[in-house]
Amino acid sequence: MQRHSVEMFKTFFLVTFIFLDLSASSVSSRDGECKISVKNDFPNEKEPFLLKRDEKGLDFFLPKFENKDDVFHINARDEFYVVCPSRANRLQKTSKPMQKVSCKGDNVFVVNHEEVTFKTLACQRNVSSSINITSRPCAQSKGIIVEVGFQAAGWHSLIKICHNQTNGLSYYSLHTVRRELIDGGSYQRSSFRKESKDLFKDYNPDNYYKKNHQITMLKKIVGDSNVSKYVNNNQFMSRGHLTPVKDLPFKSWQSFTFGFSNAAPQWQTINNGAWKKLETAVRDNKQSDVYEVATGTYGVCKIKDQNGTDVPLSLHAGKIPVPDYFWKLVQDPKDKSCIVFVCTNNPFLDAQPTPFCSDICTANNWFVNENNMQGKAKRATPNLSQGYMYCCSYSDLKSKKADLDMPEFKCNGTLKFKSN
């Protein structure tokens, strides 16, 4: 009897131990982190912004680039926030504009004590930017800094723009390129919109970018018989992004580039020609994973009227002037190396203009006028209708074009192009 009792006790102890061990294993697995894949776990549409708290407060939550995907990592019991800007927008699940989400472990998320998958955390509408018109002057006090972002327990700025409220001209924009995150992200075009009545007072810039308006405006300059040279199926003045849509990694972020303060009139063959190649090259440059970028405008494009007189172009009575040049400054923030690209915005030039600086494209492996951006030999003869592009050192361009309104950058050395 005593022996039988001992055997029963051993059996009970063993079963209890196994049960406790299995329970402990279950708890341990729940202690695993949560992961969010941009390609697989994001809502199919109306995706939110993600914020996470650090020592400075709430800031943009950035993923890691893994296996050609952007992946957010959240430790068990850690929290982050999903946000659906603007004012009328809400999260579908909770009808709140901002919602705390916690990681229970093993990719199980908790919202208001309910377990959910991240794919269910979509906004009611597509996210929409707000603007913060600061009092900070820029462009030799001709403009002020306008921040594009949203309010969520503080202000979160994605793009900064130097803008002139009087004539609707933006001198430059500032943004960060996170090259690897772009490779692992998603892409979606949006429609341009007027962000605020305070930026374009008493008029809607969208009306003046329309082809019919451009035809009417140009007829007064070049005459009815010549207008088809300037506006046709292939040629017109497009809404040229300053901060490019594809420079940002997520659909929610990209939508913030579609404000008219982030655009300037750019002839379409140039927008889709040399300028497009440049934007692609910046994203393809494997010299660094992160770049700080300023993109801007300079001068006013002129065309000849019926009497042969040069006439400065604007989309409407001096409002939204058409730039003569676009430029782009790219800096590697790690070693402070920089390069500046300058591109004409006049597809009707008869001759190649004199560069503002000593052209350093070839010396630094930037072949911006070739069809193949990683060309090995020499730069091709530029097609002026697609834009004439050249490269400058920051100091050289600043010293020779003092009236070109570039922001101050610390530049040590020249940023080279690296294809692999």
Protein backbone atom coordinates (compact mmCIF):
# COMPACT_ATOMS: atom_id res chain seq x y z
CA MET A 1 0.00 0.00 0.00
CA GLN A 2 2.81 2.33 0.92
CA ARG A 3 4.63 1.43 -2.30
CA HIS A 4 1.46 2.05 -4.31
CA SER A 5 1.04 5.48 -2.68
CA VAL A 6 4.61 6.38 -3.50
CA GLU A 7 4.08 5.43 -7.16
CA MET A 8 0.91 7.51 -7.30
CA PHE A 9 2.75 10.48 -5.83
CA LYS A 10 5.53 10.11 -8.40
CA THR A 11 2.99 9.99 -11.21
CA PHE A 12 1.15 13.04 -9.86
CA PHE A 13 4.41 14.94 -9.48
CA LEU A 14 5.50 14.06 -13.03
CA VAL A 15 2.16 15.10 -14.55
CA THR A 16 2.17 18.33 -12.55
CA PHE A 17 5.73 19.08 -13.65
CA ILE A 18 4.88 18.47 -17.31
CA PHE A 19 1.79 20.69 -17.03
CA LEU A 20 3.72 23.49 -15.39
CA ASP A 21 6.48 23.15 -17.95
CA LEU A 22 3.99 23.37 -20.81
CA SER A 23 2.34 26.38 -19.18
CA ALA A 24 5.69 28.05 -18.79
CA SER A 25 6.46 27.34 -22.44
CA SER A 26 3.17 28.94 -23.43
CA VAL A 27 3.94 32.06 -21.43
CA SER A 28 7.43 32.14 -22.86
CA SER A 29 6.11 32.04 -26.43
CA ARG A 30 3.76 34.89 -25.58
CA ASP A 31 6.82 36.87 -24.55
CA GLY A 32 7.99 36.84 -28.19
CA GLU A 33 8.00 40.10 -30.11
CA CYS A 34 5.46 41.31 -32.63
CA LYS A 35 6.39 42.05 -36.23
CA ILE A 36 4.55 44.09 -38.84
CA SER A 37 5.46 43.53 -42.48
CA VAL A 38 4.66 46.46 -44.75
CA LYS A 39 4.16 44.12 -47.70
CA ASN A 40 2.03 41.52 -45.90
CA ASP A 41 0.48 42.99 -42.75
CA PHE A 42 -0.46 46.58 -43.59
CA PRO A 43 -4.10 47.34 -44.42
CA ASN A 44 -4.75 47.05 -48.14
CA GLU A 45 -5.91 50.66 -48.23
CA LYS A 46 -6.25 53.70 -45.97
CA GLU A 47 -3.12 52.83 -44.01
CA PRO A 48 -2.33 54.85 -40.86
CA PHE A 49 0.85 56.51 -39.63
CA LEU A 50 2.79 54.75 -36.87
CA LEU A 51 4.31 56.66 -33.95
CA LYS A 52 6.42 55.39 -31.06
CA ARG A 53 7.58 57.05 -27.86
CA ASP A 54 11.28 57.64 -27.27
CA GLU A 55 13.26 59.81 -24.87
CA LYS A 56 12.16 62.92 -26.79
CA GLY A 57 8.48 62.02 -26.93
CA LEU A 58 6.35 60.63 -29.74
CA ASP A 59 8.14 60.33 -33.07
CA PHE A 60 7.79 58.48 -36.37
CA PHE A 61 8.12 54.73 -35.86
CA LEU A 62 10.63 53.42 -38.42
CA PRO A 63 10.94 49.78 -39.52
CA LYS A 64 14.00 47.74 -40.44
CA PHE A 65 14.72 46.61 -43.98
CA GLU A 66 14.69 42.79 -44.04
CA ASN A 67 14.43 40.39 -46.99
CA LYS A 68 13.25 43.10 -49.39
CA ASP A 69 10.54 44.14 -46.94
CA ASP A 70 10.12 46.84 -44.29
CA VAL A 71 9.43 45.22 -40.91
CA PHE A 72 8.41 46.95 -37.68
CA HIS A 73 9.61 45.23 -34.50
CA ILE A 74 7.73 45.64 -31.21
CA ASN A 75 8.82 43.91 -28.02
CA ALA A 76 6.22 42.06 -25.97
CA ARG A 77 4.29 44.47 -23.73
CA ASP A 78 5.64 47.48 -25.64
CA GLU A 79 3.26 50.05 -27.10
CA PHE A 80 3.00 52.19 -30.20
CA TYR A 81 0.33 54.41 -31.74
CA VAL A 82 -1.57 54.39 -35.01
CA VAL A 83 -2.73 57.79 -36.26
CA CYS A 84 -5.25 58.77 -38.93
CA PRO A 85 -4.74 62.43 -39.92
CA SER A 86 -6.62 64.78 -40.62
CA ARG A 87 -9.42 66.23 -38.44
CA ALA A 88 -12.31 64.26 -39.93
CA ASN A 89 -10.40 60.98 -40.09
CA ARG A 90 -10.64 58.15 -37.57
CA LEU A 91 -9.46 54.59 -37.09
CA GLN A 92 -12.17 52.25 -38.38
CA LYS A 93 -11.98 49.94 -35.38
CA THR A 94 -12.27 52.49 -32.56
CA SER A 95 -13.46 55.72 -34.23
CA LYS A 96 -10.51 57.54 -32.67
CA PRO A 97 -7.99 59.68 -34.60
CA MET A 98 -5.14 58.22 -32.52
CA GLN A 99 -5.09 54.80 -30.90
CA LYS A 100 -2.62 53.09 -28.57
CA VAL A 101 -1.70 49.54 -29.63
CA SER A 102 0.22 47.07 -27.46
CA CYS A 103 2.08 43.89 -28.37
CA LYS A 104 0.91 40.88 -26.37
CA GLY A 105 3.53 38.72 -28.02
CA ASP A 106 3.84 36.44 -31.04
CA ASN A 107 2.26 38.97 -33.41
CA VAL A 108 -0.84 39.38 -31.28
CA PHE A 109 -1.81 43.04 -30.85
CA VAL A 110 -4.20 44.44 -28.27
CA VAL A 111 -6.49 47.44 -28.74
CA ASN A 112 -8.82 48.31 -25.86
CA HIS A 113 -8.36 44.80 -24.33
CA GLU A 114 -9.26 43.14 -27.65
CA GLU A 115 -6.79 40.99 -29.59
CA VAL A 116 -6.47 42.15 -33.21
CA THR A 117 -4.29 41.75 -36.27
CA PHE A 118 -2.56 44.82 -37.64
CA LYS A 119 -4.28 44.48 -41.02
CA THR A 120 -7.57 45.44 -39.35
CA LEU A 121 -6.18 48.81 -38.19
CA ALA A 122 -7.14 50.89 -41.22
CA CYS A 123 -8.35 54.48 -41.25
CA GLN A 124 -11.85 55.50 -42.28
CA ARG A 125 -10.37 57.72 -45.00
CA ASN A 126 -7.04 58.20 -46.70
CA VAL A 127 -4.69 60.17 -44.48
CA SER A 128 -4.37 63.88 -45.23
CA SER A 129 -1.66 66.37 -44.31
CA SER A 130 -1.93 69.61 -42.37
CA ILE A 131 0.45 72.54 -42.58
CA ASN A 132 2.19 74.65 -39.99
CA ILE A 133 2.98 78.12 -41.33
CA THR A 134 5.89 79.18 -39.17
CA SER A 135 7.35 82.64 -38.67
CA ARG A 136 10.83 81.46 -39.71
CA PRO A 137 12.09 83.43 -42.74
CA CYS A 138 13.94 81.77 -45.62
CA ALA A 139 15.28 82.63 -49.09
CA GLN A 140 16.73 85.93 -47.90
CA SER A 141 13.40 86.72 -46.19
CA LYS A 142 11.42 86.33 -49.43
CA GLY A 143 9.67 83.27 -48.03
CA ILE A 144 8.72 81.55 -44.80
CA ILE A 145 9.13 77.94 -43.72
CA VAL A 146 5.97 75.87 -44.08
CA GLU A 147 5.95 72.44 -42.43
CA VAL A 148 3.88 69.61 -43.91
CA GLY A 149 2.78 67.10 -41.29
CA PHE A 150 0.06 66.40 -38.75
CA GLN A 151 -0.95 66.98 -35.15
CA ALA A 152 -1.07 63.97 -32.81
CA ALA A 153 -0.06 64.67 -29.20
CA GLY A 154 2.36 67.17 -30.69
CA TRP A 155 3.35 68.28 -34.17
CA HIS A 156 5.01 65.80 -36.55
CA SER A 157 6.70 67.29 -39.62
CA LEU A 158 7.55 65.22 -42.69
CA ILE A 159 8.52 67.93 -45.23
CA LYS A 160 9.70 71.52 -44.80
CA ILE A 161 9.10 74.03 -47.61
CA CYS A 162 10.34 77.58 -48.15
CA HIS A 163 7.29 79.28 -49.66
CA ASN A 164 6.32 82.75 -50.86
CA GLN A 165 2.68 83.40 -49.96
CA THR A 166 2.43 86.42 -52.25
CA ASN A 167 3.20 84.80 -55.59
CA GLY A 168 2.75 81.11 -54.74
CA LEU A 169 6.38 80.22 -55.45
CA SER A 170 8.17 77.57 -53.41
CA TYR A 171 11.92 78.17 -53.31
CA TYR A 172 12.85 74.75 -51.96
CA SER A 173 11.75 71.73 -49.94
CA LEU A 174 13.65 69.66 -47.36
CA HIS A 175 13.20 65.95 -46.70
CA THR A 176 15.05 62.76 -45.76
CA VAL A 177 15.59 59.83 -48.14
CA ARG A 178 15.80 56.45 -46.39
CA ARG A 179 17.00 54.43 -49.33
CA GLU A 180 16.56 50.88 -48.04
CA LEU A 181 13.12 51.58 -46.60
CA ILE A 182 12.01 52.76 -50.05
CA ASP A 183 13.08 49.39 -51.48
CA GLY A 184 10.97 47.56 -48.90
CA GLY A 185 8.00 49.91 -48.89
CA SER A 186 4.88 50.40 -50.97
CA TYR A 187 3.85 52.99 -53.56
CA GLN A 188 0.65 54.83 -54.42
CA ARG A 189 -0.02 58.04 -56.32
CA SER A 190 -2.54 60.56 -55.04
CA SER A 191 -4.08 63.74 -56.42
CA PHE A 192 -2.66 67.20 -55.79
CA ARG A 193 -4.63 69.40 -53.44
CA LYS A 194 -4.56 72.92 -52.06
CA GLU A 195 -3.44 72.55 -48.44
CA SER A 196 -4.54 75.94 -47.10
CA LYS A 197 -6.17 79.15 -48.26
CA ASP A 198 -3.28 80.96 -46.57
CA LEU A 199 -0.76 79.58 -49.07
CA PHE A 200 -2.59 80.43 -52.30
CA LYS A 201 -4.84 83.31 -51.34
CA ASP A 202 -8.00 83.87 -53.39
CA TYR A 203 -7.17 81.29 -56.07
CA ASN A 204 -6.88 77.55 -56.57
CA PRO A 205 -3.57 76.58 -58.23
CA ASP A 206 -5.13 73.42 -59.62
CA ASN A 207 -7.13 75.53 -62.09
CA TYR A 208 -3.97 77.09 -63.52
CA TYR A 209 -2.14 73.80 -64.08
CA LYS A 210 -4.94 72.55 -66.33
CA LYS A 211 -4.06 72.27 -70.02
CA ASN A 212 -6.97 74.42 -71.16
CA HIS A 213 -5.79 77.27 -68.98
CA GLN A 214 -2.20 76.89 -70.23
CA ILE A 215 -3.41 77.06 -73.84
CA THR A 216 -5.41 80.22 -73.15
CA MET A 217 -2.50 81.84 -71.33
CA LEU A 218 0.11 80.93 -73.97
CA LYS A 219 -2.06 82.03 -76.90
CA LYS A 220 -1.77 85.58 -75.59
CA ILE A 221 2.03 85.30 -75.80
CA VAL A 222 2.82 83.18 -78.86
CA GLY A 223 -0.43 83.40 -80.85
CA ASP A 224 -3.01 80.81 -81.83
CA SER A 225 -0.92 79.22 -84.57
CA ASN A 226 2.11 78.56 -82.34
CA VAL A 227 0.51 77.39 -79.12
CA SER A 228 0.52 73.69 -80.09
CA LYS A 229 4.32 73.74 -79.88
CA TYR A 230 4.05 74.47 -76.16
CA VAL A 231 0.97 72.50 -75.12
CA ASN A 232 0.15 69.15 -76.70
CA ASN A 233 -0.13 65.50 -75.72
CA ASN A 234 3.57 65.27 -74.84
CA GLN A 235 4.36 68.83 -73.76
CA PHE A 236 2.77 70.99 -71.08
CA MET A 237 3.64 72.40 -67.66
CA SER A 238 3.24 69.61 -65.12
CA ARG A 239 2.97 69.73 -61.35
CA GLY A 240 6.65 69.12 -60.69
CA HIS A 241 7.25 67.59 -57.25
CA LEU A 242 10.00 69.18 -55.17
CA THR A 243 10.07 66.36 -52.62
CA PRO A 244 9.42 63.36 -54.90
CA VAL A 245 6.62 60.96 -54.06
CA LYS A 246 8.91 57.94 -54.48
CA ASP A 247 11.48 59.33 -52.03
CA LEU A 248 9.17 58.36 -49.15
CA PRO A 249 8.65 54.69 -48.24
CA PHE A 250 4.97 54.31 -47.33
CA LYS A 251 1.67 55.19 -48.97
CA SER A 252 0.63 57.33 -46.00
CA TRP A 253 3.87 59.32 -46.16
CA GLN A 254 3.77 59.66 -49.96
CA SER A 255 0.34 61.27 -49.89
CA PHE A 256 1.87 64.24 -48.05
CA THR A 257 3.93 65.15 -51.14
CA PHE A 258 0.78 66.02 -53.11
CA GLY A 259 0.29 69.54 -51.83
CA PHE A 260 0.70 72.45 -54.23
CA SER A 261 3.28 74.05 -51.95
CA ASN A 262 5.48 71.04 -52.83
CA ALA A 263 5.18 71.67 -56.57
CA ALA A 264 6.38 74.07 -59.24
CA PRO A 265 5.56 74.22 -62.98
CA GLN A 266 7.95 71.88 -64.79
CA TRP A 267 7.81 71.18 -68.51
CA GLN A 268 6.64 67.60 -68.95
CA THR A 269 9.45 66.37 -71.22
CA ILE A 270 11.93 67.49 -68.56
CA ASN A 271 9.86 66.14 -65.67
CA ASN A 272 9.84 62.75 -67.41
CA GLY A 273 13.36 63.15 -68.81
CA ALA A 274 16.56 64.25 -67.09
CA TRP A 275 14.79 65.13 -63.85
CA LYS A 276 13.18 61.71 -63.49
CA LYS A 277 16.55 60.07 -64.11
CA LEU A 278 18.12 62.20 -61.41
CA GLU A 279 15.45 61.33 -58.84
CA THR A 280 15.97 57.65 -59.61
CA ALA A 281 19.75 57.97 -59.34
CA VAL A 282 19.54 59.55 -55.88
CA ARG A 283 17.45 56.60 -54.63
CA ASP A 284 19.76 54.11 -56.35
CA ASN A 285 22.99 55.56 -54.94
CA LYS A 286 24.37 52.91 -52.58
CA GLN A 287 26.98 55.25 -51.15
CA SER A 288 24.75 55.59 -48.05
CA ASP A 289 21.42 54.39 -46.68
CA VAL A 290 20.17 57.85 -45.68
CA TYR A 291 20.38 61.22 -47.46
CA GLU A 292 19.26 64.70 -46.54
CA VAL A 293 17.85 66.39 -49.64
CA ALA A 294 16.92 69.95 -50.59
CA THR A 295 15.13 70.49 -53.90
CA GLY A 296 14.41 73.93 -55.29
CA THR A 297 13.79 76.39 -58.08
CA TYR A 298 15.70 79.31 -59.57
CA GLY A 299 14.83 82.15 -61.93
CA VAL A 300 11.85 82.49 -64.26
CA CYS A 301 11.55 80.67 -67.58
CA LYS A 302 11.14 82.97 -70.60
CA ILE A 303 9.79 82.30 -74.07
CA LYS A 304 9.61 84.64 -77.06
CA ASP A 305 6.35 86.30 -77.96
CA GLN A 306 5.14 87.01 -81.50
CA ASN A 307 7.47 90.02 -81.69
CA GLY A 308 10.55 88.07 -80.60
CA THR A 309 10.59 89.60 -77.12
CA ASP A 310 11.42 87.39 -74.13
CA VAL A 311 8.39 87.07 -71.86
CA PRO A 312 8.64 85.62 -68.32
CA LEU A 313 6.16 82.82 -67.73
CA SER A 314 3.78 82.38 -64.83
CA LEU A 315 0.65 80.29 -64.64
CA HIS A 316 -1.58 83.27 -63.87
CA ALA A 317 -0.79 87.00 -63.86
CA GLY A 318 2.50 86.69 -62.00
CA LYS A 319 1.22 83.96 -59.68
CA ILE A 320 3.08 80.63 -59.62
CA PRO A 321 6.05 81.63 -61.82
CA VAL A 322 7.57 78.95 -64.04
CA PRO A 323 11.17 78.30 -62.86
CA ASP A 324 14.08 78.66 -65.26
CA TYR A 325 15.97 75.94 -63.38
CA PHE A 326 15.37 73.17 -60.88
CA TRP A 327 18.16 72.12 -58.54
CA LYS A 328 18.71 69.34 -56.00
CA LEU A 329 21.25 69.19 -53.16
CA VAL A 330 22.00 65.74 -51.71
CA GLN A 331 23.99 65.24 -48.52
CA ASP A 332 25.24 62.08 -46.83
CA PRO A 333 24.66 63.00 -43.16
CA LYS A 334 27.33 60.57 -41.95
CA ASP A 335 30.37 62.11 -43.64
CA LYS A 336 28.72 65.40 -44.76
CA SER A 337 29.65 64.83 -48.40
CA CYS A 338 27.36 66.76 -50.78
CA ILE A 339 26.61 67.35 -54.42
CA VAL A 340 24.22 69.76 -56.16
CA PHE A 341 22.47 69.02 -59.46
CA VAL A 342 21.21 71.83 -61.68
CA CYS A 343 18.70 71.20 -64.49
CA THR A 344 17.24 73.57 -67.07
CA ASN A 345 13.46 73.94 -67.23
CA ASN A 346 13.17 75.15 -70.82
CA PRO A 347 12.74 72.43 -73.45
CA PHE A 348 12.83 75.01 -76.26
CA LEU A 349 16.48 76.03 -75.89
CA ASP A 350 18.47 76.20 -79.12
CA ALA A 351 21.87 75.83 -77.47
CA GLN A 352 23.34 74.31 -74.34
CA PRO A 353 23.58 77.04 -71.67
CA THR A 354 26.79 77.82 -69.82
CA PRO A 355 26.84 75.97 -66.47
CA PHE A 356 26.82 78.02 -63.28
CA CYS A 357 29.79 76.01 -61.99
CA SER A 358 32.51 73.57 -62.95
CA ASP A 359 30.66 70.39 -63.94
CA ILE A 360 31.80 67.54 -61.67
CA CYS A 361 29.30 64.82 -62.69
CA THR A 362 31.71 62.54 -64.54
CA ALA A 363 34.49 62.92 -61.96
CA ASN A 364 32.10 61.60 -59.31
CA ASN A 365 30.45 58.89 -61.41
CA TRP A 366 27.14 60.70 -61.91
CA PHE A 367 26.03 60.22 -65.53
CA VAL A 368 22.77 62.08 -65.35
CA ASN A 369 22.32 62.71 -69.09
CA GLU A 370 22.67 59.11 -70.17
CA ASN A 371 19.80 56.70 -70.69
CA ASN A 372 21.66 54.26 -68.43
CA MET A 373 22.30 55.99 -65.13
CA GLN A 374 25.13 53.57 -64.38
CA GLY A 375 26.89 54.21 -67.68
CA LYS A 376 30.57 53.27 -67.76
CA ALA A 377 31.93 55.47 -70.51
CA LYS A 378 31.16 59.11 -71.15
CA ARG A 379 28.11 61.28 -70.74
CA ALA A 380 25.87 61.43 -73.77
CA THR A 381 25.20 64.67 -75.63
CA PRO A 382 22.16 66.05 -73.80
CA ASN A 383 18.75 66.26 -75.42
CA LEU A 384 17.83 69.82 -74.42
CA SER A 385 14.11 69.09 -74.73
CA GLN A 386 14.54 66.63 -71.85
CA GLY A 387 16.60 69.02 -69.75
CA TYR A 388 20.29 69.85 -69.51
CA MET A 389 21.74 68.60 -66.22
CA TYR A 390 25.11 69.18 -64.57
CA CYS A 391 26.71 68.78 -61.13
CA CYS A 392 28.25 71.37 -58.82
CA SER A 393 30.09 71.34 -55.56
CA TYR A 394 28.07 73.12 -52.89
CA SER A 395 30.73 75.76 -52.25
CA ASP A 396 31.32 76.45 -55.95
CA LEU A 397 27.64 76.99 -56.69
CA LYS A 398 27.09 79.14 -53.58
CA SER A 399 30.02 81.39 -54.46
CA LYS A 400 29.02 81.84 -58.11
CA LYS A 401 25.23 82.15 -57.71
CA ALA A 402 24.66 84.16 -54.54
CA ASP A 403 21.05 84.83 -55.59
CA LEU A 404 20.23 81.11 -55.76
CA ASP A 405 18.22 80.52 -52.60
CA MET A 406 19.67 77.34 -51.11
CA PRO A 407 19.49 76.51 -47.41
CA GLU A 408 22.71 76.29 -45.43
CA PHE A 409 24.30 72.83 -45.40
CA LYS A 410 27.57 71.66 -43.91
CA CYS A 411 29.39 70.02 -46.81
CA ASN A 412 32.75 68.27 -46.53
CA GLY A 413 33.81 66.76 -49.83
CA THR A 414 31.76 65.56 -52.79
CA LEU A 415 29.11 62.84 -52.75
CA LYS A 416 29.95 60.17 -55.32
CA PHE A 417 27.61 57.75 -57.07
CA LYS A 418 28.02 54.09 -56.15
CA SER A 419 26.06 51.49 -58.08
CA ASN A 420 26.73 48.49 -55.81
